[in-house]
Amino acid sequence: MSVLNGGKPVDAVAVEATWESLVSRPGAQLIDVRTRAEWTYVGIPDLGAIGKRAVLVEWQTFPDQTVDPRFVERLTGELKAIGAQLNDDLFFICRSGGRSLAAAKAMAEAGYQACHNVAGGFEGPLDDERHRASVGGWKAAGLPWCQG
């Protein structure tokens, strides 16, 4: 599935395929756009085993949940600091995929040419008991993570 935004596609990539790309492509980056509270209390993807770290930049601020008007500026600064290029694969992740899609679109509009939305996000959808992290997403797939 792809979403065209400014002529640049933002596709949905499964968590397992995201991990494989992060492992096999030196320039690939994982951008976690959840809130600081989520990083602290829910955890963050742990890329240490592959010599990387997730780039943490909030799409929305906590607790008011408004979109950060400086998101593109902040993330661009973080990406420049780690040497990311405009054509590197950027994988955007949030809790379940909504905020990360919006963030990926914003960065595609800013000129980044390979923006991808991580399908299922970090915690995935709610299960039958209304809990997350059991039926989809980074955690349910058994990918590495740590408490923030």
Protein backbone atom coordinates (compact mmCIF):
# COMPACT_ATOMS: atom_id res chain seq x y z
CA MET A 1 0.00 0.00 0.00
CA SER A 2 1.36 3.42 -0.81
CA VAL A 3 0.13 6.90 -0.09
CA LEU A 4 1.15 9.56 -2.55
CA ASN A 5 2.08 12.80 -0.94
CA GLY A 6 3.66 15.50 -3.04
CA GLY A 7 4.45 12.87 -5.68
CA LYS A 8 6.54 10.78 -3.27
CA PRO A 9 5.17 7.43 -2.12
CA VAL A 10 5.01 6.50 1.54
CA ASP A 11 4.56 2.76 1.75
CA ALA A 12 3.61 0.47 4.62
CA VAL A 13 6.36 -1.97 5.61
CA ALA A 14 5.92 -4.90 8.01
CA VAL A 15 7.97 -4.81 11.21
CA GLU A 16 10.02 -7.84 10.21
CA ALA A 17 10.90 -6.29 6.82
CA THR A 18 11.75 -3.04 8.61
CA TRP A 19 14.19 -4.91 10.87
CA GLU A 20 15.80 -6.65 7.86
CA SER A 21 16.26 -3.30 6.11
CA LEU A 22 17.77 -1.73 9.22
CA VAL A 23 20.22 -4.65 9.44
CA SER A 24 21.15 -4.80 5.75
CA ARG A 25 21.17 -1.12 4.73
CA PRO A 26 23.78 1.00 6.52
CA GLY A 27 21.95 4.28 5.90
CA ALA A 28 18.50 3.03 6.96
CA GLN A 29 17.11 4.76 10.04
CA LEU A 30 14.22 4.04 12.42
CA ILE A 31 12.38 7.15 13.59
CA ASP A 32 10.13 6.74 16.62
CA VAL A 33 7.59 9.58 16.68
CA ARG A 34 5.71 8.61 19.85
CA THR A 35 5.70 10.79 22.95
CA ARG A 36 8.36 10.95 25.65
CA ALA A 37 5.87 9.31 28.02
CA GLU A 38 5.50 6.35 25.63
CA TRP A 39 9.27 5.98 25.25
CA THR A 40 9.65 5.98 29.03
CA TYR A 41 6.73 3.80 30.07
CA VAL A 42 6.16 1.52 27.04
CA GLY A 43 9.74 1.16 25.76
CA ILE A 44 11.72 1.87 22.61
CA PRO A 45 13.11 -0.27 19.79
CA ASP A 46 16.63 -1.40 20.70
CA LEU A 47 18.95 -1.26 17.69
CA GLY A 48 22.17 -1.62 19.67
CA ALA A 49 22.88 -5.11 18.32
CA ILE A 50 23.17 -3.64 14.81
CA GLY A 51 25.16 -0.58 15.86
CA LYS A 52 22.29 1.88 15.49
CA ARG A 53 19.83 3.71 17.69
CA ALA A 54 16.26 4.75 17.08
CA VAL A 55 15.89 8.46 16.35
CA LEU A 56 13.40 9.81 18.89
CA VAL A 57 11.43 12.91 17.84
CA GLU A 58 7.85 13.49 19.02
CA TRP A 59 5.24 14.07 16.30
CA GLN A 60 2.74 15.25 18.91
CA THR A 61 3.54 16.74 22.26
CA PHE A 62 2.34 15.22 25.51
CA PRO A 63 -0.07 15.77 27.21
CA ASP A 64 -1.92 18.15 24.85
CA GLN A 65 -1.40 15.93 21.75
CA THR A 66 -0.90 18.81 19.32
CA VAL A 67 1.37 18.27 16.34
CA ASP A 68 4.76 19.85 16.91
CA PRO A 69 5.02 22.63 14.30
CA ARG A 70 8.83 22.23 14.39
CA PHE A 71 8.78 18.45 13.83
CA VAL A 72 10.35 18.57 10.34
CA GLU A 73 13.01 21.02 11.53
CA ARG A 74 13.82 18.94 14.62
CA LEU A 75 13.99 15.64 12.77
CA THR A 76 16.02 17.12 9.92
CA GLY A 77 18.55 18.32 12.51
CA GLU A 78 18.73 14.87 14.12
CA LEU A 79 19.16 13.18 10.73
CA LYS A 80 21.91 15.60 9.68
CA ALA A 81 23.71 14.98 12.98
CA ILE A 82 23.93 11.24 12.25
CA GLY A 83 24.85 11.73 8.60
CA ALA A 84 21.56 10.57 7.04
CA GLN A 85 21.07 11.45 3.38
CA LEU A 86 17.90 12.50 1.54
CA ASN A 87 17.77 9.13 -0.24
CA ASP A 88 18.34 6.91 2.83
CA ASP A 89 15.48 4.66 3.90
CA LEU A 90 13.61 6.24 6.79
CA PHE A 91 11.23 3.96 8.70
CA PHE A 92 8.68 5.79 10.87
CA ILE A 93 7.11 4.05 13.85
CA CYS A 94 4.51 5.03 16.46
CA ARG A 95 2.13 2.99 18.62
CA SER A 96 0.07 1.48 15.82
CA GLY A 97 0.79 3.37 12.58
CA GLY A 98 -1.28 6.58 12.43
CA ARG A 99 1.10 9.25 13.71
CA SER A 100 4.04 7.65 11.91
CA LEU A 101 2.22 7.83 8.57
CA ALA A 102 1.58 11.56 9.06
CA ALA A 103 5.23 12.09 10.06
CA ALA A 104 6.50 10.11 7.06
CA LYS A 105 4.34 12.21 4.73
CA ALA A 106 5.71 15.41 6.27
CA MET A 107 9.30 14.28 5.75
CA ALA A 108 8.55 13.16 2.17
CA GLU A 109 7.21 16.66 1.53
CA ALA A 110 10.46 18.04 2.99
CA GLY A 111 12.45 16.17 0.33
CA TYR A 112 13.30 12.81 1.91
CA GLN A 113 12.92 10.31 -0.91
CA ALA A 114 12.45 6.95 0.84
CA CYS A 115 9.97 7.35 3.70
CA HIS A 116 8.23 4.22 4.98
CA ASN A 117 5.51 3.71 7.58
CA VAL A 118 6.06 0.73 9.90
CA ALA A 119 2.82 -1.25 9.68
CA GLY A 120 1.52 -2.26 13.09
CA GLY A 121 3.81 0.17 14.89
CA PHE A 122 5.52 -0.58 18.18
CA GLU A 123 2.52 -2.07 20.01
CA GLY A 124 0.09 -3.02 17.25
CA PRO A 125 -3.70 -3.08 17.44
CA LEU A 126 -5.81 -3.98 20.45
CA ASP A 127 -6.43 -7.69 21.01
CA ASP A 128 -9.77 -9.21 22.09
CA GLU A 129 -9.05 -8.22 25.69
CA ARG A 130 -8.21 -4.64 24.64
CA HIS A 131 -4.47 -5.02 25.27
CA ARG A 132 -1.69 -4.14 22.86
CA ALA A 133 1.64 -5.82 21.96
CA SER A 134 0.19 -9.29 21.47
CA VAL A 135 -1.33 -9.43 17.97
CA GLY A 136 0.90 -7.17 15.93
CA GLY A 137 3.69 -4.64 15.93
CA TRP A 138 7.36 -4.55 16.92
CA LYS A 139 6.93 -6.02 20.41
CA ALA A 140 4.62 -8.87 19.34
CA ALA A 141 7.08 -9.83 16.58
CA GLY A 142 9.74 -10.35 19.25
CA LEU A 143 12.03 -7.66 17.86
CA PRO A 144 14.52 -6.11 20.32
CA TRP A 145 13.32 -3.35 22.59
CA CYS A 146 14.20 -1.90 25.94
CA GLN A 147 12.54 0.18 28.58
CA GLY A 148 13.15 3.87 27.88
